[in-house]
Amino acid sequence: MVRLPLFAHADKVVHGLMYMVLAAVFCYDLGKRPASHGPVRHLWAWLLPTLYGGALELLQQYCFPPRTGDWLDWAADAAGAIAGCYLLLYVRTWTTRH
């Protein structure tokens, strides 16, 4: 059975959402450590999932035929990761004000 996506590039949206959650969890966890600094924490929370997504795309391309790596998937991973960092920052700022 072949399933058609809901819309064009729906998989990119899924990649972005998954990595948004992953980066938000990283950022939240790193924020609980007393020695972590805000900008550095956000950099690591973005960088680690982005590198992880790139490594998975390379593994798909070179180690698991017939799967192929897609650089647009990796770009969606990176965009989702940065969105997750900013989302957590926004939620933290909003909850501390209210």
PDB file of N, CA and C in Angstrom:
ATOM      1  N   MET A   1       0.847  -1.172   0.000  1.00  0.00           N
ATOM      2  CA  MET A   1       0.000   0.000   0.000  1.00  0.00           C
ATOM      3  C   MET A   1       0.899   1.244   0.000  1.00  0.00           C
ATOM      4  N   VAL A   2       0.610   2.157  -0.878  1.00  0.00           N
ATOM      5  CA  VAL A   2       1.346   3.416  -0.965  1.00  0.00           C
ATOM      6  C   VAL A   2       0.499   4.502  -0.315  1.00  0.00           C
ATOM      7  N   ARG A   3       1.109   5.199   0.633  1.00  0.00           N
ATOM      8  CA  ARG A   3       0.397   6.306   1.283  1.00  0.00           C
ATOM      9  C   ARG A   3       0.927   7.616   0.738  1.00  0.00           C
ATOM     10  N   LEU A   4       0.031   8.464   0.372  1.00  0.00           N
ATOM     11  CA  LEU A   4       0.405   9.782  -0.131  1.00  0.00           C
ATOM     12  C   LEU A   4       0.454  10.762   1.028  1.00  0.00           C
ATOM     13  N   PRO A   5       1.395  11.686   1.019  1.00  0.00           N
ATOM     14  CA  PRO A   5       1.456  12.677   2.099  1.00  0.00           C
ATOM     15  C   PRO A   5       0.256  13.618   2.035  1.00  0.00           C
ATOM     16  N   LEU A   6      -0.015  14.243   3.152  1.00  0.00           N
ATOM     17  CA  LEU A   6      -1.123  15.189   3.216  1.00  0.00           C
ATOM     18  C   LEU A   6      -0.907  16.378   2.293  1.00  0.00           C
ATOM     19  N   PHE A   7       0.339  16.784   2.152  1.00  0.00           N
ATOM     20  CA  PHE A   7       0.692  17.901   1.289  1.00  0.00           C
ATOM     21  C   PHE A   7       2.149  17.738   0.893  1.00  0.00           C
ATOM     22  N   ALA A   8       2.584  18.516  -0.069  1.00  0.00           N
ATOM     23  CA  ALA A   8       3.965  18.409  -0.533  1.00  0.00           C
ATOM     24  C   ALA A   8       4.927  18.749   0.608  1.00  0.00           C
ATOM     25  N   HIS A   9       5.947  17.966   0.757  1.00  0.00           N
ATOM     26  CA  HIS A   9       6.991  18.160   1.767  1.00  0.00           C
ATOM     27  C   HIS A   9       6.478  18.042   3.199  1.00  0.00           C
ATOM     28  N   ALA A  10       5.465  17.229   3.399  1.00  0.00           N
ATOM     29  CA  ALA A  10       4.943  17.015   4.755  1.00  0.00           C
ATOM     30  C   ALA A  10       6.014  16.409   5.650  1.00  0.00           C
ATOM     31  N   ASP A  11       6.904  15.612   5.073  1.00  0.00           N
ATOM     32  CA  ASP A  11       7.975  15.008   5.878  1.00  0.00           C
ATOM     33  C   ASP A  11       8.916  16.063   6.444  1.00  0.00           C
ATOM     34  N   LYS A  12       9.081  17.166   5.747  1.00  0.00           N
ATOM     35  CA  LYS A  12       9.942  18.244   6.250  1.00  0.00           C
ATOM     36  C   LYS A  12       9.333  18.886   7.492  1.00  0.00           C
ATOM     37  N   VAL A  13       8.029  19.019   7.487  1.00  0.00           N
ATOM     38  CA  VAL A  13       7.335  19.574   8.652  1.00  0.00           C
ATOM     39  C   VAL A  13       7.496  18.628   9.842  1.00  0.00           C
ATOM     40  N   VAL A  14       7.384  17.333   9.587  1.00  0.00           N
ATOM     41  CA  VAL A  14       7.555  16.344  10.655  1.00  0.00           C
ATOM     42  C   VAL A  14       8.979  16.401  11.196  1.00  0.00           C
ATOM     43  N   HIS A  15       9.963  16.474  10.313  1.00  0.00           N
ATOM     44  CA  HIS A  15      11.361  16.613  10.756  1.00  0.00           C
ATOM     45  C   HIS A  15      11.514  17.855  11.630  1.00  0.00           C
ATOM     46  N   GLY A  16      10.994  18.964  11.187  1.00  0.00           N
ATOM     47  CA  GLY A  16      11.100  20.206  11.947  1.00  0.00           C
ATOM     48  C   GLY A  16      10.458  20.099  13.320  1.00  0.00           C
ATOM     49  N   LEU A  17       9.291  19.500  13.397  1.00  0.00           N
ATOM     50  CA  LEU A  17       8.609  19.366  14.684  1.00  0.00           C
ATOM     51  C   LEU A  17       9.351  18.432  15.628  1.00  0.00           C
ATOM     52  N   MET A  18       9.872  17.333  15.101  1.00  0.00           N
ATOM     53  CA  MET A  18      10.607  16.398  15.956  1.00  0.00           C
ATOM     54  C   MET A  18      11.859  17.054  16.538  1.00  0.00           C
ATOM     55  N   TYR A  19      12.585  17.772  15.713  1.00  0.00           N
ATOM     56  CA  TYR A  19      13.812  18.393  16.188  1.00  0.00           C
ATOM     57  C   TYR A  19      13.538  19.637  17.016  1.00  0.00           C
ATOM     58  N   MET A  20      12.381  20.248  16.844  1.00  0.00           N
ATOM     59  CA  MET A  20      11.995  21.356  17.701  1.00  0.00           C
ATOM     60  C   MET A  20      11.803  20.844  19.129  1.00  0.00           C
ATOM     61  N   VAL A  21      11.134  19.730  19.274  1.00  0.00           N
ATOM     62  CA  VAL A  21      10.930  19.147  20.601  1.00  0.00           C
ATOM     63  C   VAL A  21      12.267  18.695  21.190  1.00  0.00           C
ATOM     64  N   LEU A  22      13.086  18.041  20.380  1.00  0.00           N
ATOM     65  CA  LEU A  22      14.386  17.566  20.860  1.00  0.00           C
ATOM     66  C   LEU A  22      15.254  18.722  21.369  1.00  0.00           C
ATOM     67  N   ALA A  23      15.326  19.802  20.626  1.00  0.00           N
ATOM     68  CA  ALA A  23      16.136  20.950  21.040  1.00  0.00           C
ATOM     69  C   ALA A  23      15.545  21.624  22.274  1.00  0.00           C
ATOM     70  N   ALA A  24      14.234  21.703  22.358  1.00  0.00           N
ATOM     71  CA  ALA A  24      13.611  22.310  23.540  1.00  0.00           C
ATOM     72  C   ALA A  24      13.925  21.489  24.790  1.00  0.00           C
ATOM     73  N   VAL A  25      13.930  20.168  24.662  1.00  0.00           N
ATOM     74  CA  VAL A  25      14.276  19.312  25.801  1.00  0.00           C
ATOM     75  C   VAL A  25      15.738  19.496  26.178  1.00  0.00           C
ATOM     76  N   PHE A  26      16.625  19.554  25.186  1.00  0.00           N
ATOM     77  CA  PHE A  26      18.042  19.822  25.456  1.00  0.00           C
ATOM     78  C   PHE A  26      18.193  21.152  26.187  1.00  0.00           C
ATOM     79  N   CYS A  27      17.548  22.178  25.677  1.00  0.00           N
ATOM     80  CA  CYS A  27      17.670  23.516  26.251  1.00  0.00           C
ATOM     81  C   CYS A  27      17.132  23.534  27.682  1.00  0.00           C
ATOM     82  N   TYR A  28      16.021  22.870  27.908  1.00  0.00           N
ATOM     83  CA  TYR A  28      15.440  22.814  29.245  1.00  0.00           C
ATOM     84  C   TYR A  28      16.384  22.093  30.206  1.00  0.00           C
ATOM     85  N   ASP A  29      16.909  20.952  29.757  1.00  0.00           N
ATOM     86  CA  ASP A  29      17.789  20.172  30.616  1.00  0.00           C
ATOM     87  C   ASP A  29      19.085  20.919  30.906  1.00  0.00           C
ATOM     88  N   LEU A  30      19.669  21.531  29.891  1.00  0.00           N
ATOM     89  CA  LEU A  30      20.900  22.286  30.109  1.00  0.00           C
ATOM     90  C   LEU A  30      20.663  23.503  30.998  1.00  0.00           C
ATOM     91  N   GLY A  31      19.452  24.036  30.978  1.00  0.00           N
ATOM     92  CA  GLY A  31      19.123  25.198  31.801  1.00  0.00           C
ATOM     93  C   GLY A  31      19.013  24.872  33.275  1.00  0.00           C
ATOM     94  N   LYS A  32      18.843  23.602  33.613  1.00  0.00           N
ATOM     95  CA  LYS A  32      18.740  23.210  35.017  1.00  0.00           C
ATOM     96  C   LYS A  32      20.102  23.134  35.688  1.00  0.00           C
ATOM     97  N   ARG A  33      21.162  23.140  34.909  1.00  0.00           N
ATOM     98  CA  ARG A  33      22.512  23.066  35.472  1.00  0.00           C
ATOM     99  C   ARG A  33      22.938  24.456  35.934  1.00  0.00           C
ATOM    100  N   PRO A  34      23.478  24.560  37.142  1.00  0.00           N
ATOM    101  CA  PRO A  34      23.801  25.895  37.663  1.00  0.00           C
ATOM    102  C   PRO A  34      24.907  26.619  36.901  1.00  0.00           C
ATOM    103  N   ALA A  35      25.813  25.904  36.284  1.00  0.00           N
ATOM    104  CA  ALA A  35      26.940  26.561  35.604  1.00  0.00           C
ATOM    105  C   ALA A  35      26.654  26.878  34.144  1.00  0.00           C
ATOM    106  N   SER A  36      25.440  26.592  33.673  1.00  0.00           N
ATOM    107  CA  SER A  36      25.185  26.829  32.247  1.00  0.00           C
ATOM    108  C   SER A  36      24.817  28.297  32.016  1.00  0.00           C
ATOM    109  N   HIS A  37      25.326  28.833  30.942  1.00  0.00           N
ATOM    110  CA  HIS A  37      25.052  30.221  30.573  1.00  0.00           C
ATOM    111  C   HIS A  37      24.052  30.234  29.438  1.00  0.00           C
ATOM    112  N   GLY A  38      23.173  31.224  29.405  1.00  0.00           N
ATOM    113  CA  GLY A  38      22.088  31.292  28.451  1.00  0.00           C
ATOM    114  C   GLY A  38      22.474  31.117  26.995  1.00  0.00           C
ATOM    115  N   PRO A  39      23.303  32.002  26.439  1.00  0.00           N
ATOM    116  CA  PRO A  39      23.629  31.887  25.011  1.00  0.00           C
ATOM    117  C   PRO A  39      24.370  30.593  24.673  1.00  0.00           C
ATOM    118  N   VAL A  40      25.265  30.168  25.550  1.00  0.00           N
ATOM    119  CA  VAL A  40      26.009  28.935  25.292  1.00  0.00           C
ATOM    120  C   VAL A  40      25.066  27.748  25.351  1.00  0.00           C
ATOM    121  N   ARG A  41      24.149  27.766  26.293  1.00  0.00           N
ATOM    122  CA  ARG A  41      23.160  26.696  26.422  1.00  0.00           C
ATOM    123  C   ARG A  41      22.334  26.592  25.143  1.00  0.00           C
ATOM    124  N   HIS A  42      21.896  27.719  24.636  1.00  0.00           N
ATOM    125  CA  HIS A  42      21.083  27.689  23.424  1.00  0.00           C
ATOM    126  C   HIS A  42      21.901  27.238  22.216  1.00  0.00           C
ATOM    127  N   LEU A  43      23.161  27.609  22.174  1.00  0.00           N
ATOM    128  CA  LEU A  43      24.010  27.157  21.079  1.00  0.00           C
ATOM    129  C   LEU A  43      24.148  25.639  21.096  1.00  0.00           C
ATOM    130  N   TRP A  44      24.448  25.068  22.262  1.00  0.00           N
ATOM    131  CA  TRP A  44      24.572  23.612  22.360  1.00  0.00           C
ATOM    132  C   TRP A  44      23.240  22.917  22.095  1.00  0.00           C
ATOM    133  N   ALA A  45      22.155  23.498  22.596  1.00  0.00           N
ATOM    134  CA  ALA A  45      20.833  22.895  22.396  1.00  0.00           C
ATOM    135  C   ALA A  45      20.439  22.904  20.926  1.00  0.00           C
ATOM    136  N   TRP A  46      20.977  23.831  20.145  1.00  0.00           N
ATOM    137  CA  TRP A  46      20.732  23.831  18.699  1.00  0.00           C
ATOM    138  C   TRP A  46      21.746  22.947  17.978  1.00  0.00           C
ATOM    139  N   LEU A  47      23.002  23.052  18.369  1.00  0.00           N
ATOM    140  CA  LEU A  47      24.070  22.364  17.653  1.00  0.00           C
ATOM    141  C   LEU A  47      23.979  20.845  17.761  1.00  0.00           C
ATOM    142  N   LEU A  48      23.729  20.328  18.945  1.00  0.00           N
ATOM    143  CA  LEU A  48      23.696  18.871  19.119  1.00  0.00           C
ATOM    144  C   LEU A  48      22.607  18.198  18.278  1.00  0.00           C
ATOM    145  N   PRO A  49      21.356  18.645  18.323  1.00  0.00           N
ATOM    146  CA  PRO A  49      20.356  18.018  17.450  1.00  0.00           C
ATOM    147  C   PRO A  49      20.647  18.220  15.963  1.00  0.00           C
ATOM    148  N   THR A  50      21.215  19.366  15.601  1.00  0.00           N
ATOM    149  CA  THR A  50      21.529  19.614  14.196  1.00  0.00           C
ATOM    150  C   THR A  50      22.608  18.651  13.697  1.00  0.00           C
ATOM    151  N   LEU A  51      23.647  18.462  14.496  1.00  0.00           N
ATOM    152  CA  LEU A  51      24.689  17.503  14.127  1.00  0.00           C
ATOM    153  C   LEU A  51      24.145  16.075  14.098  1.00  0.00           C
ATOM    154  N   TYR A  52      23.291  15.758  15.031  1.00  0.00           N
ATOM    155  CA  TYR A  52      22.657  14.438  15.076  1.00  0.00           C
ATOM    156  C   TYR A  52      21.830  14.194  13.806  1.00  0.00           C
ATOM    157  N   GLY A  53      21.049  15.190  13.407  1.00  0.00           N
ATOM    158  CA  GLY A  53      20.249  15.062  12.191  1.00  0.00           C
ATOM    159  C   GLY A  53      21.119  14.899  10.954  1.00  0.00           C
ATOM    160  N   GLY A  54      22.216  15.657  10.881  1.00  0.00           N
ATOM    161  CA  GLY A  54      23.132  15.522   9.750  1.00  0.00           C
ATOM    162  C   GLY A  54      23.788  14.151   9.710  1.00  0.00           C
ATOM    163  N   ALA A  55      24.177  13.643  10.883  1.00  0.00           N
ATOM    164  CA  ALA A  55      24.784  12.310  10.939  1.00  0.00           C
ATOM    165  C   ALA A  55      23.795  11.243  10.489  1.00  0.00           C
ATOM    166  N   LEU A  56      22.547  11.385  10.882  1.00  0.00           N
ATOM    167  CA  LEU A  56      21.537  10.408  10.453  1.00  0.00           C
ATOM    168  C   LEU A  56      21.318  10.450   8.944  1.00  0.00           C
ATOM    169  N   GLU A  57      21.338  11.632   8.378  1.00  0.00           N
ATOM    170  CA  GLU A  57      21.169  11.737   6.922  1.00  0.00           C
ATOM    171  C   GLU A  57      22.361  11.114   6.196  1.00  0.00           C
ATOM    172  N   LEU A  58      23.568  11.324   6.719  1.00  0.00           N
ATOM    173  CA  LEU A  58      24.749  10.699   6.111  1.00  0.00           C
ATOM    174  C   LEU A  58      24.694   9.175   6.240  1.00  0.00           C
ATOM    175  N   LEU A  59      24.279   8.685   7.389  1.00  0.00           N
ATOM    176  CA  LEU A  59      24.141   7.236   7.564  1.00  0.00           C
ATOM    177  C   LEU A  59      23.122   6.654   6.597  1.00  0.00           C
ATOM    178  N   GLN A  60      22.008   7.344   6.427  1.00  0.00           N
ATOM    179  CA  GLN A  60      21.002   6.862   5.478  1.00  0.00           C
ATOM    180  C   GLN A  60      21.566   6.814   4.068  1.00  0.00           C
ATOM    181  N   GLN A  61      22.338   7.827   3.712  1.00  0.00           N
ATOM    182  CA  GLN A  61      22.868   7.916   2.348  1.00  0.00           C
ATOM    183  C   GLN A  61      23.901   6.830   2.067  1.00  0.00           C
ATOM    184  N   TYR A  62      24.806   6.597   3.019  1.00  0.00           N
ATOM    185  CA  TYR A  62      25.954   5.756   2.724  1.00  0.00           C
ATOM    186  C   TYR A  62      25.947   4.370   3.370  1.00  0.00           C
ATOM    187  N   CYS A  63      25.093   4.154   4.349  1.00  0.00           N
ATOM    188  CA  CYS A  63      25.152   2.878   5.071  1.00  0.00           C
ATOM    189  C   CYS A  63      23.893   2.036   4.988  1.00  0.00           C
ATOM    190  N   PHE A  64      22.787   2.603   4.570  1.00  0.00           N
ATOM    191  CA  PHE A  64      21.524   1.872   4.591  1.00  0.00           C
ATOM    192  C   PHE A  64      20.780   1.955   3.262  1.00  0.00           C
ATOM    193  N   PRO A  65      21.352   1.356   2.198  1.00  0.00           N
ATOM    194  CA  PRO A  65      20.605   1.368   0.951  1.00  0.00           C
ATOM    195  C   PRO A  65      19.352   0.506   1.105  1.00  0.00           C
ATOM    196  N   PRO A  66      18.277   0.809   0.520  1.00  0.00           N
ATOM    197  CA  PRO A  66      18.011   1.808  -0.516  1.00  0.00           C
ATOM    198  C   PRO A  66      17.601   3.174   0.029  1.00  0.00           C
ATOM    199  N   ARG A  67      17.770   3.401   1.317  1.00  0.00           N
ATOM    200  CA  ARG A  67      17.440   4.717   1.873  1.00  0.00           C
ATOM    201  C   ARG A  67      18.418   5.750   1.346  1.00  0.00           C
ATOM    202  N   THR A  68      17.956   6.964   1.263  1.00  0.00           N
ATOM    203  CA  THR A  68      18.822   8.039   0.788  1.00  0.00           C
ATOM    204  C   THR A  68      18.774   9.195   1.769  1.00  0.00           C
ATOM    205  N   GLY A  69      19.877   9.883   1.887  1.00  0.00           N
ATOM    206  CA  GLY A  69      19.927  11.079   2.711  1.00  0.00           C
ATOM    207  C   GLY A  69      19.358  12.261   1.947  1.00  0.00           C
ATOM    208  N   ASP A  70      18.727  13.150   2.651  1.00  0.00           N
ATOM    209  CA  ASP A  70      18.123  14.322   2.020  1.00  0.00           C
ATOM    210  C   ASP A  70      18.584  15.558   2.784  1.00  0.00           C
ATOM    211  N   TRP A  71      19.293  16.445   2.096  1.00  0.00           N
ATOM    212  CA  TRP A  71      19.812  17.638   2.757  1.00  0.00           C
ATOM    213  C   TRP A  71      18.701  18.591   3.160  1.00  0.00           C
ATOM    214  N   LEU A  72      17.559  18.513   2.487  1.00  0.00           N
ATOM    215  CA  LEU A  72      16.427  19.340   2.918  1.00  0.00           C
ATOM    216  C   LEU A  72      15.856  18.833   4.235  1.00  0.00           C
ATOM    217  N   ASP A  73      15.919  17.520   4.459  1.00  0.00           N
ATOM    218  CA  ASP A  73      15.529  16.985   5.769  1.00  0.00           C
ATOM    219  C   ASP A  73      16.452  17.541   6.848  1.00  0.00           C
ATOM    220  N   TRP A  74      17.750  17.584   6.541  1.00  0.00           N
ATOM    221  CA  TRP A  74      18.707  18.116   7.508  1.00  0.00           C
ATOM    222  C   TRP A  74      18.456  19.603   7.770  1.00  0.00           C
ATOM    223  N   ALA A  75      18.121  20.342   6.735  1.00  0.00           N
ATOM    224  CA  ALA A  75      17.805  21.763   6.919  1.00  0.00           C
ATOM    225  C   ALA A  75      16.550  21.927   7.770  1.00  0.00           C
ATOM    226  N   ALA A  76      15.573  21.053   7.569  1.00  0.00           N
ATOM    227  CA  ALA A  76      14.361  21.100   8.393  1.00  0.00           C
ATOM    228  C   ALA A  76      14.692  20.750   9.844  1.00  0.00           C
ATOM    229  N   ASP A  77      15.618  19.807  10.047  1.00  0.00           N
ATOM    230  CA  ASP A  77      16.063  19.468  11.402  1.00  0.00           C
ATOM    231  C   ASP A  77      16.679  20.690  12.077  1.00  0.00           C
ATOM    232  N   ALA A  78      17.574  21.376  11.364  1.00  0.00           N
ATOM    233  CA  ALA A  78      18.252  22.548  11.922  1.00  0.00           C
ATOM    234  C   ALA A  78      17.259  23.674  12.211  1.00  0.00           C
ATOM    235  N   ALA A  79      16.326  23.890  11.302  1.00  0.00           N
ATOM    236  CA  ALA A  79      15.321  24.937  11.510  1.00  0.00           C
ATOM    237  C   ALA A  79      14.413  24.600  12.689  1.00  0.00           C
ATOM    238  N   GLY A  80      14.032  23.347  12.790  1.00  0.00           N
ATOM    239  CA  GLY A  80      13.212  22.929  13.927  1.00  0.00           C
ATOM    240  C   GLY A  80      13.955  23.071  15.240  1.00  0.00           C
ATOM    241  N   ALA A  81      15.256  22.762  15.228  1.00  0.00           N
ATOM    242  CA  ALA A  81      16.051  22.875  16.450  1.00  0.00           C
ATOM    243  C   ALA A  81      16.147  24.320  16.913  1.00  0.00           C
ATOM    244  N   ILE A  82      16.365  25.230  15.997  1.00  0.00           N
ATOM    245  CA  ILE A  82      16.455  26.639  16.409  1.00  0.00           C
ATOM    246  C   ILE A  82      15.085  27.151  16.860  1.00  0.00           C
ATOM    247  N   ALA A  83      14.035  26.670  16.236  1.00  0.00           N
ATOM    248  CA  ALA A  83      12.689  27.050  16.672  1.00  0.00           C
ATOM    249  C   ALA A  83      12.409  26.526  18.077  1.00  0.00           C
ATOM    250  N   GLY A  84      12.888  25.326  18.387  1.00  0.00           N
ATOM    251  CA  GLY A  84      12.700  24.764  19.719  1.00  0.00           C
ATOM    252  C   GLY A  84      13.417  25.570  20.786  1.00  0.00           C
ATOM    253  N   CYS A  85      14.622  26.030  20.474  1.00  0.00           N
ATOM    254  CA  CYS A  85      15.359  26.869  21.430  1.00  0.00           C
ATOM    255  C   CYS A  85      14.615  28.171  21.690  1.00  0.00           C
ATOM    256  N   TYR A  86      14.153  28.810  20.630  1.00  0.00           N
ATOM    257  CA  TYR A  86      13.434  30.067  20.795  1.00  0.00           C
ATOM    258  C   TYR A  86      12.084  29.866  21.459  1.00  0.00           C
ATOM    259  N   LEU A  87      11.426  28.756  21.169  1.00  0.00           N
ATOM    260  CA  LEU A  87      10.141  28.473  21.796  1.00  0.00           C
ATOM    261  C   LEU A  87      10.316  28.310  23.302  1.00  0.00           C
ATOM    262  N   LEU A  88      11.328  27.558  23.706  1.00  0.00           N
ATOM    263  CA  LEU A  88      11.558  27.381  25.140  1.00  0.00           C
ATOM    264  C   LEU A  88      11.931  28.705  25.792  1.00  0.00           C
ATOM    265  N   LEU A  89      12.748  29.490  25.134  1.00  0.00           N
ATOM    266  CA  LEU A  89      13.114  30.800  25.668  1.00  0.00           C
ATOM    267  C   LEU A  89      11.876  31.676  25.845  1.00  0.00           C
ATOM    268  N   TYR A  90      10.975  31.654  24.874  1.00  0.00           N
ATOM    269  CA  TYR A  90       9.740  32.429  24.951  1.00  0.00           C
ATOM    270  C   TYR A  90       8.857  31.930  26.090  1.00  0.00           C
ATOM    271  N   VAL A  91       8.702  30.624  26.189  1.00  0.00           N
ATOM    272  CA  VAL A  91       7.848  30.058  27.239  1.00  0.00           C
ATOM    273  C   VAL A  91       8.416  30.364  28.608  1.00  0.00           C
ATOM    274  N   ARG A  92       9.731  30.259  28.761  1.00  0.00           N
ATOM    275  CA  ARG A  92      10.371  30.569  30.036  1.00  0.00           C
ATOM    276  C   ARG A  92      10.181  32.038  30.400  1.00  0.00           C
ATOM    277  N   THR A  93      10.341  32.914  29.438  1.00  0.00           N
ATOM    278  CA  THR A  93      10.160  34.345  29.688  1.00  0.00           C
ATOM    279  C   THR A  93       8.717  34.638  30.036  1.00  0.00           C
ATOM    280  N   TRP A  94       7.794  34.031  29.324  1.00  0.00           N
ATOM    281  CA  TRP A  94       6.363  34.270  29.546  1.00  0.00           C
ATOM    282  C   TRP A  94       5.926  33.748  30.923  1.00  0.00           C
ATOM    283  N   THR A  95       6.414  32.566  31.298  1.00  0.00           N
ATOM    284  CA  THR A  95       5.995  31.995  32.577  1.00  0.00           C
ATOM    285  C   THR A  95       6.615  32.722  33.766  1.00  0.00           C
ATOM    286  N   THR A  96       7.776  33.301  33.617  1.00  0.00           N
ATOM    287  CA  THR A  96       8.371  34.032  34.728  1.00  0.00           C
ATOM    288  C   THR A  96       7.692  35.387  34.935  1.00  0.00           C
ATOM    289  N   ARG A  97       7.080  35.913  33.895  1.00  0.00           N
ATOM    290  CA  ARG A  97       6.354  37.193  34.036  1.00  0.00           C
ATOM    291  C   ARG A  97       4.990  37.013  34.641  1.00  0.00           C
ATOM    292  N   HIS A  98       4.390  35.853  34.454  1.00  0.00           N
ATOM    293  CA  HIS A  98       2.996  35.662  34.914  1.00  0.00           C
ATOM    294  C   HIS A  98       2.933  34.769  36.086  1.00  0.00           C
TER     295      HIS A  98
END
